[in-house]
Every structure is written in C-alpha cells, then in structure tokens.
Protein backbone atom coordinates (compact mmCIF):
# COMPACT_ATOMS: atom_id res chain seq x y z
CA MET A 1 158.45 -126.60 -14.68
CA GLN A 2 162.02 -125.35 -14.85
CA SER A 3 160.81 -122.22 -16.68
CA THR A 4 158.27 -121.55 -13.91
CA ARG A 5 160.95 -121.97 -11.25
CA ARG A 6 163.24 -119.54 -13.09
CA THR A 7 160.40 -117.00 -13.31
CA LEU A 8 159.64 -117.33 -9.59
CA SER A 9 163.33 -117.03 -8.80
CA SER A 10 163.60 -113.88 -10.90
CA LEU A 11 160.57 -112.34 -9.23
CA LEU A 12 161.97 -113.10 -5.79
CA ALA A 13 165.31 -111.56 -6.75
CA LEU A 14 163.55 -108.45 -8.07
CA ALA A 15 161.50 -108.14 -4.90
CA THR A 16 164.68 -108.43 -2.85
CA LEU A 17 166.33 -105.67 -4.89
CA ILE A 18 163.30 -103.40 -4.50
CA ALA A 19 163.22 -104.00 -0.75
CA ALA A 20 166.93 -103.25 -0.51
CA ALA A 21 166.49 -100.08 -2.52
CA VAL A 22 163.67 -98.91 -0.28
CA THR A 23 165.73 -99.75 2.80
CA SER A 24 168.83 -97.97 1.53
CA SER A 25 167.13 -94.87 0.11
CA PRO A 26 165.75 -92.69 2.90
CA THR A 27 163.43 -89.84 2.13
CA VAL A 28 164.96 -86.40 1.77
CA ALA A 29 163.44 -85.39 5.09
CA LEU A 30 165.00 -88.36 6.92
CA ALA A 31 168.36 -87.72 5.31
CA GLU A 32 168.23 -84.07 6.35
CA LYS A 33 167.34 -85.15 9.90
CA PHE A 34 170.30 -87.55 10.03
CA TYR A 35 172.79 -84.91 8.90
CA GLU A 36 171.29 -82.34 11.23
CA ASP A 37 171.80 -84.82 14.10
CA VAL A 38 175.42 -85.26 13.03
CA ARG A 39 175.87 -81.48 12.99
CA ARG A 40 174.48 -81.18 16.52
CA ILE A 41 176.72 -83.98 17.76
CA ASP A 42 179.78 -82.41 16.12
CA GLN A 43 178.99 -79.12 17.84
CA ALA A 44 178.63 -80.87 21.19
CA LEU A 45 181.92 -82.70 20.63
CA ARG A 46 183.62 -79.34 20.10
CA THR A 47 182.02 -77.51 23.01
CA ASN A 48 181.17 -80.34 25.46
CA PRO A 49 178.27 -78.31 26.93
CA ASN A 50 177.53 -80.76 29.74
CA LYS A 51 181.18 -81.36 30.72
CA VAL A 52 181.17 -85.13 30.20
CA ILE A 53 184.42 -87.05 30.78
CA ASP A 54 187.05 -87.43 28.07
CA GLN A 55 186.40 -91.15 27.68
CA ALA A 56 182.74 -90.39 26.88
CA ILE A 57 183.79 -87.82 24.27
CA GLU A 58 186.12 -90.30 22.60
CA SER A 59 183.50 -93.07 22.66
CA CYS A 60 180.99 -90.76 21.01
CA ARG A 61 183.51 -89.66 18.38
CA VAL A 62 184.14 -93.31 17.43
CA ARG A 63 180.42 -94.06 17.20
CA ARG A 64 179.74 -90.86 15.25
CA ASN A 65 182.33 -91.85 12.62
CA ALA A 66 180.94 -95.39 12.47
CA ALA A 67 177.43 -93.99 12.00
CA MET A 68 178.57 -91.97 8.98
CA LYS A 69 180.14 -95.04 7.36
CA LEU A 70 177.07 -97.16 8.02
CA TYR A 71 174.79 -94.49 6.60
CA GLU A 72 176.82 -94.23 3.41
CA VAL A 73 176.42 -97.97 2.73
CA GLY A 74 172.68 -97.93 3.38
CA GLN A 75 172.64 -99.21 6.98
CA HIS A 76 170.45 -96.35 8.12
CA THR A 77 168.86 -97.94 11.19
CA ARG A 78 172.21 -99.04 12.60
CA ALA A 79 173.68 -95.60 11.85
CA GLU A 80 170.87 -93.83 13.67
CA ARG A 81 171.28 -96.19 16.65
CA ARG A 82 174.90 -95.12 17.02
CA LEU A 83 173.91 -91.46 16.89
CA ARG A 84 171.35 -92.04 19.65
CA HIS A 85 174.17 -93.44 21.77
CA CYS A 86 176.05 -90.17 21.19
CA PHE A 87 173.06 -88.10 22.27
CA ASP A 88 172.85 -90.11 25.48
CA THR A 89 176.60 -89.96 26.09
CA LEU A 90 176.83 -86.22 25.53
CA GLN A 91 173.61 -85.65 27.47
CA ILE A 92 171.96 -83.58 24.76
CA PRO A 93 168.28 -83.90 23.76
CA LEU A 94 167.27 -85.92 20.71
CA GLU A 95 164.90 -83.21 19.55
CA VAL A 96 165.36 -79.47 19.57
CA LYS A 97 162.33 -77.46 20.48
CA LYS A 98 161.91 -74.84 17.82
CA ALA A 99 161.03 -71.43 19.12
CA VAL A 100 157.82 -69.97 17.79
CA VAL A 101 158.81 -66.82 15.96
CA LYS A 102 156.18 -64.13 16.12
CA VAL A 103 155.92 -62.27 12.83
CA PRO A 104 155.58 -58.56 13.61
CA THR A 105 152.62 -56.71 12.20
CA PRO A 106 153.07 -53.79 9.76
CA GLU A 107 152.06 -51.47 12.59
CA GLU A 108 154.79 -52.89 14.83
CA LEU A 109 157.40 -52.50 12.10
CA ARG A 110 156.42 -48.88 11.54
CA ALA A 111 156.48 -48.20 15.27
CA LYS A 112 159.95 -49.71 15.59
CA ALA A 113 161.27 -47.58 12.73
CA ALA A 114 159.58 -44.45 14.09
CA LYS A 115 161.26 -44.91 17.45
CA GLU A 116 164.73 -44.99 15.90
CA ILE A 117 163.94 -42.07 13.59
CA GLU A 118 162.86 -39.96 16.56
CA ARG A 119 165.99 -40.93 18.47
CA ALA A 120 168.35 -40.20 15.55
CA LEU A 121 166.82 -36.78 14.91
CA THR A 122 167.43 -35.70 18.51
CA LEU A 123 171.14 -36.51 18.33
CA GLN A 124 173.87 -34.09 17.29
CA PRO A 125 175.22 -35.46 14.00
CA ASN A 126 178.93 -35.70 13.31
CA ALA A 127 179.82 -35.61 9.62
CA GLU A 128 183.40 -36.79 10.26
CA ASP A 129 182.13 -39.94 11.91
CA GLY A 130 179.60 -40.19 9.10
CA LEU A 131 182.45 -40.28 6.59
CA LYS A 132 184.00 -43.24 8.42
CA ILE A 133 180.75 -45.14 8.01
CA TYR A 134 180.23 -43.98 4.44
CA ARG A 135 183.59 -45.39 3.36
CA GLU A 136 181.93 -48.82 3.51
CA CYS A 137 178.85 -47.52 1.68
CA ALA A 138 181.01 -46.14 -1.12
CA ALA A 139 181.75 -49.63 -2.43
CA CYS A 140 178.25 -49.57 -3.97
CA HIS A 141 177.14 -45.95 -3.84
CA MET A 142 180.52 -44.65 -5.09
CA PRO A 143 182.69 -42.12 -3.19
CA GLU A 144 180.67 -39.28 -4.71
CA GLY A 145 177.33 -40.87 -3.79
CA TRP A 146 176.17 -40.90 -7.40
CA GLY A 147 175.13 -44.56 -7.68
CA TYR A 148 174.68 -46.11 -11.13
CA THR A 149 172.54 -45.26 -14.13
CA THR A 150 171.50 -48.93 -14.30
CA GLY A 151 169.05 -48.21 -11.49
CA LEU A 152 170.39 -50.80 -9.07
CA VAL A 153 171.99 -48.15 -6.83
CA PRO A 154 170.42 -44.68 -6.45
CA GLN A 155 172.08 -41.30 -6.35
CA LEU A 156 172.30 -40.43 -2.65
CA ALA A 157 174.38 -37.27 -2.93
CA GLY A 158 172.63 -34.27 -1.42
CA GLN A 159 169.66 -36.27 -0.18
CA HIS A 160 167.99 -34.71 2.86
CA ARG A 161 169.43 -36.14 6.07
CA GLN A 162 165.93 -36.68 7.46
CA VAL A 163 165.06 -38.82 4.44
CA ILE A 164 168.26 -40.90 4.74
CA ILE A 165 167.58 -41.42 8.45
CA LYS A 166 164.03 -42.57 7.77
CA GLN A 167 164.97 -44.96 4.97
CA LEU A 168 167.81 -46.51 6.99
CA ALA A 169 165.56 -46.89 10.04
CA ASP A 170 162.83 -48.45 7.90
CA ILE A 171 165.27 -50.96 6.41
CA ARG A 172 166.68 -51.84 9.84
CA ALA A 173 163.21 -52.31 11.30
CA GLY A 174 161.98 -54.42 8.38
CA ASN A 175 159.55 -51.71 7.30
CA ARG A 176 161.28 -51.52 3.91
CA GLU A 177 162.54 -54.65 2.19
CA ASN A 178 166.01 -54.13 0.76
CA PRO A 179 168.09 -57.34 0.82
CA LEU A 180 171.14 -55.59 -0.65
CA MET A 181 171.21 -52.94 2.06
CA GLU A 182 170.21 -54.99 5.11
CA PRO A 183 173.68 -56.43 5.92
CA TYR A 184 175.36 -53.04 5.55
CA SER A 185 172.84 -50.92 7.42
CA SER A 186 172.30 -53.12 10.47
CA VAL A 187 173.16 -52.09 14.02
CA GLU A 188 175.83 -54.81 14.06
CA SER A 189 177.41 -53.37 10.92
CA ILE A 190 177.39 -49.60 11.48
CA GLY A 191 176.05 -48.96 14.98
CA GLY A 192 172.91 -47.48 16.51
CA ALA A 193 170.87 -44.32 16.02
CA GLN A 194 173.95 -42.10 16.29
CA ALA A 195 175.50 -43.91 13.34
CA ILE A 196 172.58 -43.29 11.01
CA ALA A 197 172.42 -39.66 12.14
CA ASP A 198 176.12 -39.28 11.32
CA VAL A 199 176.14 -40.99 7.92
CA ALA A 200 172.98 -39.12 6.87
CA GLU A 201 174.66 -35.84 7.78
CA TYR A 202 177.65 -36.71 5.62
CA ILE A 203 175.58 -37.80 2.61
CA ASP A 204 173.65 -34.52 2.71
CA THR A 205 176.92 -32.65 2.08
CA LEU A 206 177.86 -34.48 -1.13
CA GLU A 207 177.71 -32.68 -4.49
CA ILE A 208 174.90 -33.84 -6.80
CA THR A 209 175.70 -34.93 -10.33
CA ILE A 210 173.29 -33.90 -13.07
CA GLU A 211 174.86 -36.47 -15.41
CA ASN A 212 172.38 -39.00 -14.08
CA GLY A 213 170.54 -41.68 -16.02
CA LYS A 214 167.54 -40.35 -17.93
CA GLY A 215 164.69 -41.78 -20.02
CA ASP A 216 164.41 -41.56 -23.79
CA GLY A 217 162.76 -38.14 -23.73
CA SER A 218 159.96 -39.23 -26.05
CA ASP A 219 157.05 -37.68 -24.13
CA LEU A 220 158.39 -35.01 -21.81
CA ALA A 221 155.46 -32.65 -22.43
CA LEU A 222 153.04 -35.24 -21.08
CA GLY A 223 155.37 -36.01 -18.19
CA LYS A 224 155.60 -32.34 -17.24
CA LYS A 225 151.82 -31.91 -17.43
CA LEU A 226 151.13 -34.95 -15.24
CA TYR A 227 153.89 -34.08 -12.76
CA GLU A 228 152.61 -30.54 -12.30
CA ALA A 229 149.04 -31.75 -11.86
CA ASN A 230 149.78 -34.61 -9.46
CA CYS A 231 153.25 -34.47 -7.88
CA VAL A 232 154.13 -30.84 -7.23
CA ARG A 233 152.09 -30.61 -4.03
CA CYS A 234 154.46 -33.01 -2.24
CA HIS A 235 157.70 -33.12 -4.23
CA GLY A 236 157.77 -29.47 -5.25
CA ALA A 237 157.94 -27.89 -8.67
CA ASP A 238 161.65 -28.67 -8.98
CA GLY A 239 161.58 -32.07 -7.18
CA ALA A 240 163.39 -30.76 -4.10
CA GLY A 241 161.09 -32.68 -1.72
CA ASP A 242 160.33 -31.75 1.87
CA PRO A 243 162.74 -32.96 4.58
CA GLU A 244 160.32 -32.17 7.41
CA LYS A 245 157.79 -34.57 5.89
CA TYR A 246 160.46 -37.12 4.83
CA ILE A 247 159.68 -36.47 1.17
CA PRO A 248 162.87 -37.20 -0.78
CA ARG A 249 164.77 -35.02 -3.17
CA ILE A 250 164.11 -36.62 -6.56
CA GLN A 251 166.07 -34.12 -8.61
CA ALA A 252 168.62 -35.80 -10.88
CA GLN A 253 167.68 -39.27 -9.66
CA HIS A 254 168.42 -42.08 -12.09
CA TYR A 255 165.46 -42.82 -14.34
CA LYS A 256 165.86 -46.58 -14.08
CA TYR A 257 166.03 -46.40 -10.30
CA LEU A 258 162.79 -44.41 -10.24
CA VAL A 259 161.18 -47.03 -12.50
CA ARG A 260 162.43 -49.89 -10.34
CA GLN A 261 161.16 -48.35 -7.11
CA LEU A 262 157.77 -47.55 -8.58
CA GLU A 263 157.45 -51.14 -9.79
CA ARG A 264 158.28 -52.38 -6.28
CA MET A 265 155.64 -50.07 -4.82
CA LEU A 266 152.98 -51.28 -7.23
CA GLU A 267 153.92 -54.90 -6.49
CA GLY A 268 153.60 -54.26 -2.75
CA LYS A 269 157.30 -54.93 -2.15
CA ARG A 270 158.14 -51.49 -0.75
CA LYS A 271 156.16 -51.49 2.46
CA ASN A 272 157.06 -47.94 3.51
CA ALA A 273 155.62 -46.35 0.37
CA ASP A 274 153.35 -43.38 1.03
CA PRO A 275 149.75 -44.69 0.74
CA GLU A 276 148.52 -41.47 -0.89
CA MET A 277 151.21 -41.61 -3.54
CA LEU A 278 150.60 -45.30 -4.12
CA ALA A 279 146.88 -44.73 -4.68
CA GLN A 280 147.72 -41.89 -7.05
CA VAL A 281 150.17 -43.78 -9.28
CA LYS A 282 147.79 -46.72 -9.58
CA GLY A 283 145.57 -44.43 -11.61
CA PHE A 284 148.16 -43.96 -14.37
CA ASN A 285 148.79 -46.26 -17.30
CA PRO A 286 152.37 -47.48 -18.03
CA SER A 287 153.08 -44.86 -20.71
CA GLU A 288 151.95 -42.05 -18.38
CA LEU A 289 154.13 -43.33 -15.54
CA ASP A 290 157.09 -43.60 -17.88
CA ALA A 291 156.56 -40.02 -19.07
CA ILE A 292 156.42 -38.71 -15.48
CA LEU A 293 159.58 -40.54 -14.39
CA ASP A 294 161.48 -39.45 -17.49
CA TYR A 295 160.53 -35.86 -16.72
CA VAL A 296 161.51 -36.27 -13.04
CA SER A 297 164.94 -37.61 -13.98
CA ARG A 298 165.62 -34.30 -15.78
CA LEU A 299 164.76 -32.04 -12.83
CA THR A 300 167.92 -30.37 -11.57
CA PRO A 301 168.95 -29.10 -8.14
CA PRO A 302 170.09 -25.50 -7.57
CA GLU A 303 173.49 -24.73 -9.04
CA GLU A 304 175.08 -24.45 -5.58
CA LEU A 305 174.22 -28.10 -4.90
CA GLN A 306 175.49 -29.40 -8.24
CA ALA A 307 178.87 -31.09 -8.63
CA PRO A 308 181.28 -29.01 -10.73
CA PRO A 309 182.48 -30.65 -13.97
CA GLY A 310 185.06 -33.34 -13.20
CA TRP A 311 184.40 -33.24 -9.46
CA THR A 312 185.64 -36.15 -7.38
CA ASN A 313 185.17 -36.58 -3.67
CA PRO A 314 188.28 -35.14 -1.97
CA ASP A 315 187.57 -37.22 1.14
CA PHE A 316 188.57 -40.30 -0.89
CA ALA A 317 191.69 -38.80 -2.45
CA GLN A 318 194.74 -41.04 -2.16
C-alpha cells in the first residue's frame, strides 16, 4: 500500500512539473509577440504619440518593467496583462495592421528602370560631380575602376556610360538583383537620375587595365570559334559592345566575373539578362561556355583606352 501511494505521489509530482513546464515555456511565436509588444511600448514611451500625461507614462514604465520580470520567471499571463495595461494607458492599439505589400511584376520593374534610364540620358552629365560619387564606389571597385580578379567585383573602367546608367537603374528598380550594390546605388545614397548620369560619365573616362583575370587558356581555339559564330553580332569582334543598345564592353573583363554572371543568368538570378543571349548560352555545354569566357577575357580594348604600365588614378592622389 505504501509503495502504491509513493508511486501515485511520484506521478502527481511529475504531472505537476510537466504542467509547470508547459505553462512556463511559451511557443517561439508567443515569445516573439511578447517582445514585439515590449518594443512597441518602449517606442511609445519614448515618443508619447498620443500626448498622455506624465503620470500615465510613469505608471506604464513601472508596469512594463514588472512585465519583463514576470515573463522571465515564467509568469507569462500576468506579464501580458501588465503590457495590456500599458497599451490602454498609452492609447496605442494592441494589434498592428500589416500593410499588404504588392509585389511588382517583372514588367513593372522593367518599366520603372526604363523611366530612370530615359531621364538620365537626357541630362547633361558632369564628370566632376561623378568623381565625388565614385569616391564611395572606389572602396570596392578600386580608384582605377579595375575591380578584382576573384570575380566578385568587375572591371568598370572604360565601360560605356549608357551601360552603367542602365545597370544602375536596373539595380535601383529591382530589375537586377545585386545585394552588394543596392545600398550604395540607391537614391538615398547617391541621389537621383543626375547622379547616375554623372558617375557613369566619370567611369567611362577611366583607363582600362589589360592585366585582368583570365582563364587557364586550355581551349582558346574553341572559344574563338564559338565566339565568332555566336557573339560577334552583338558584342563585336573585339568585344567593344554597343552603347546605343546597352551592350557592354566585355574587353579585358575578369574571367571569374564573367563566369559568375553567366551562372547567375542561367540560374534565373539576373533578371535583366538579354533573353536572346540567355537562350543562346543555354545551348552550350559547360566546357564550351568556359572556352568562350576564357577567350573573351583576353580581348583587349584599343591602345588609346588602355592604362599605361604602372598607371594609378591621379584623381585619388594624396
């Protein structure tokens, strides 16, 4: 009999512990809601949006602090009750109505970018103002605009201003995903259409290095053959591109950057990729694509656009 009583007692104790654990362990969602409520109350205590009296502010502050202590020791219901008092005292709603965010369509993104491109191209560019903007860009793109052979940052030097304008406008409109560039190219960061016209003008004046990153050179004959058969019509025999059609200069571009961008296109992550080009490259196997990009990385601009040996950007001279 005593053994049975001890067993029942143990079971009751275990049940009590389980109940306490359930009571004191809110779900992640409930915990997030509690701390979000605290954040909203703290903001209201700082700003007092409804101009309640000082005594009400102090009363809420006391109850807010008490709620935090109660929550930490597992008294969640009592803690939430004190927060509700704060919501009433501060005259702020318990729930925040979340705005329905309309996701723009690809057509809307392209239209938004096109509008800024058109605007920027009608403006008179100022290279001196462009330099002021580019000083911030140089932290990644380097003062000379040569980027890095690792492929993370492209060579921008000498790129057609129309191409720079288009790519910046596409990034700003969300028509090209580029998380690294978004904070630095935004209207808030550099300014409006005039700013992208100015910085594009400056970049176009930079000397191009031909000491760029290249592939291993193992199949250049195949790369040349495929490039001439498939790419010359748009990019030109020497890779100079076509600024009027926003086709970029790919001469002396880093091999690894070319590879990275082509991968993003094939994965659907570069939304502003030319559909015709995308359809074309899908027809090549990996070794053919590698041969083409290796060949492209070795195309050189005219001598007058090339950086002299040892050239450094005089605009950044100390």
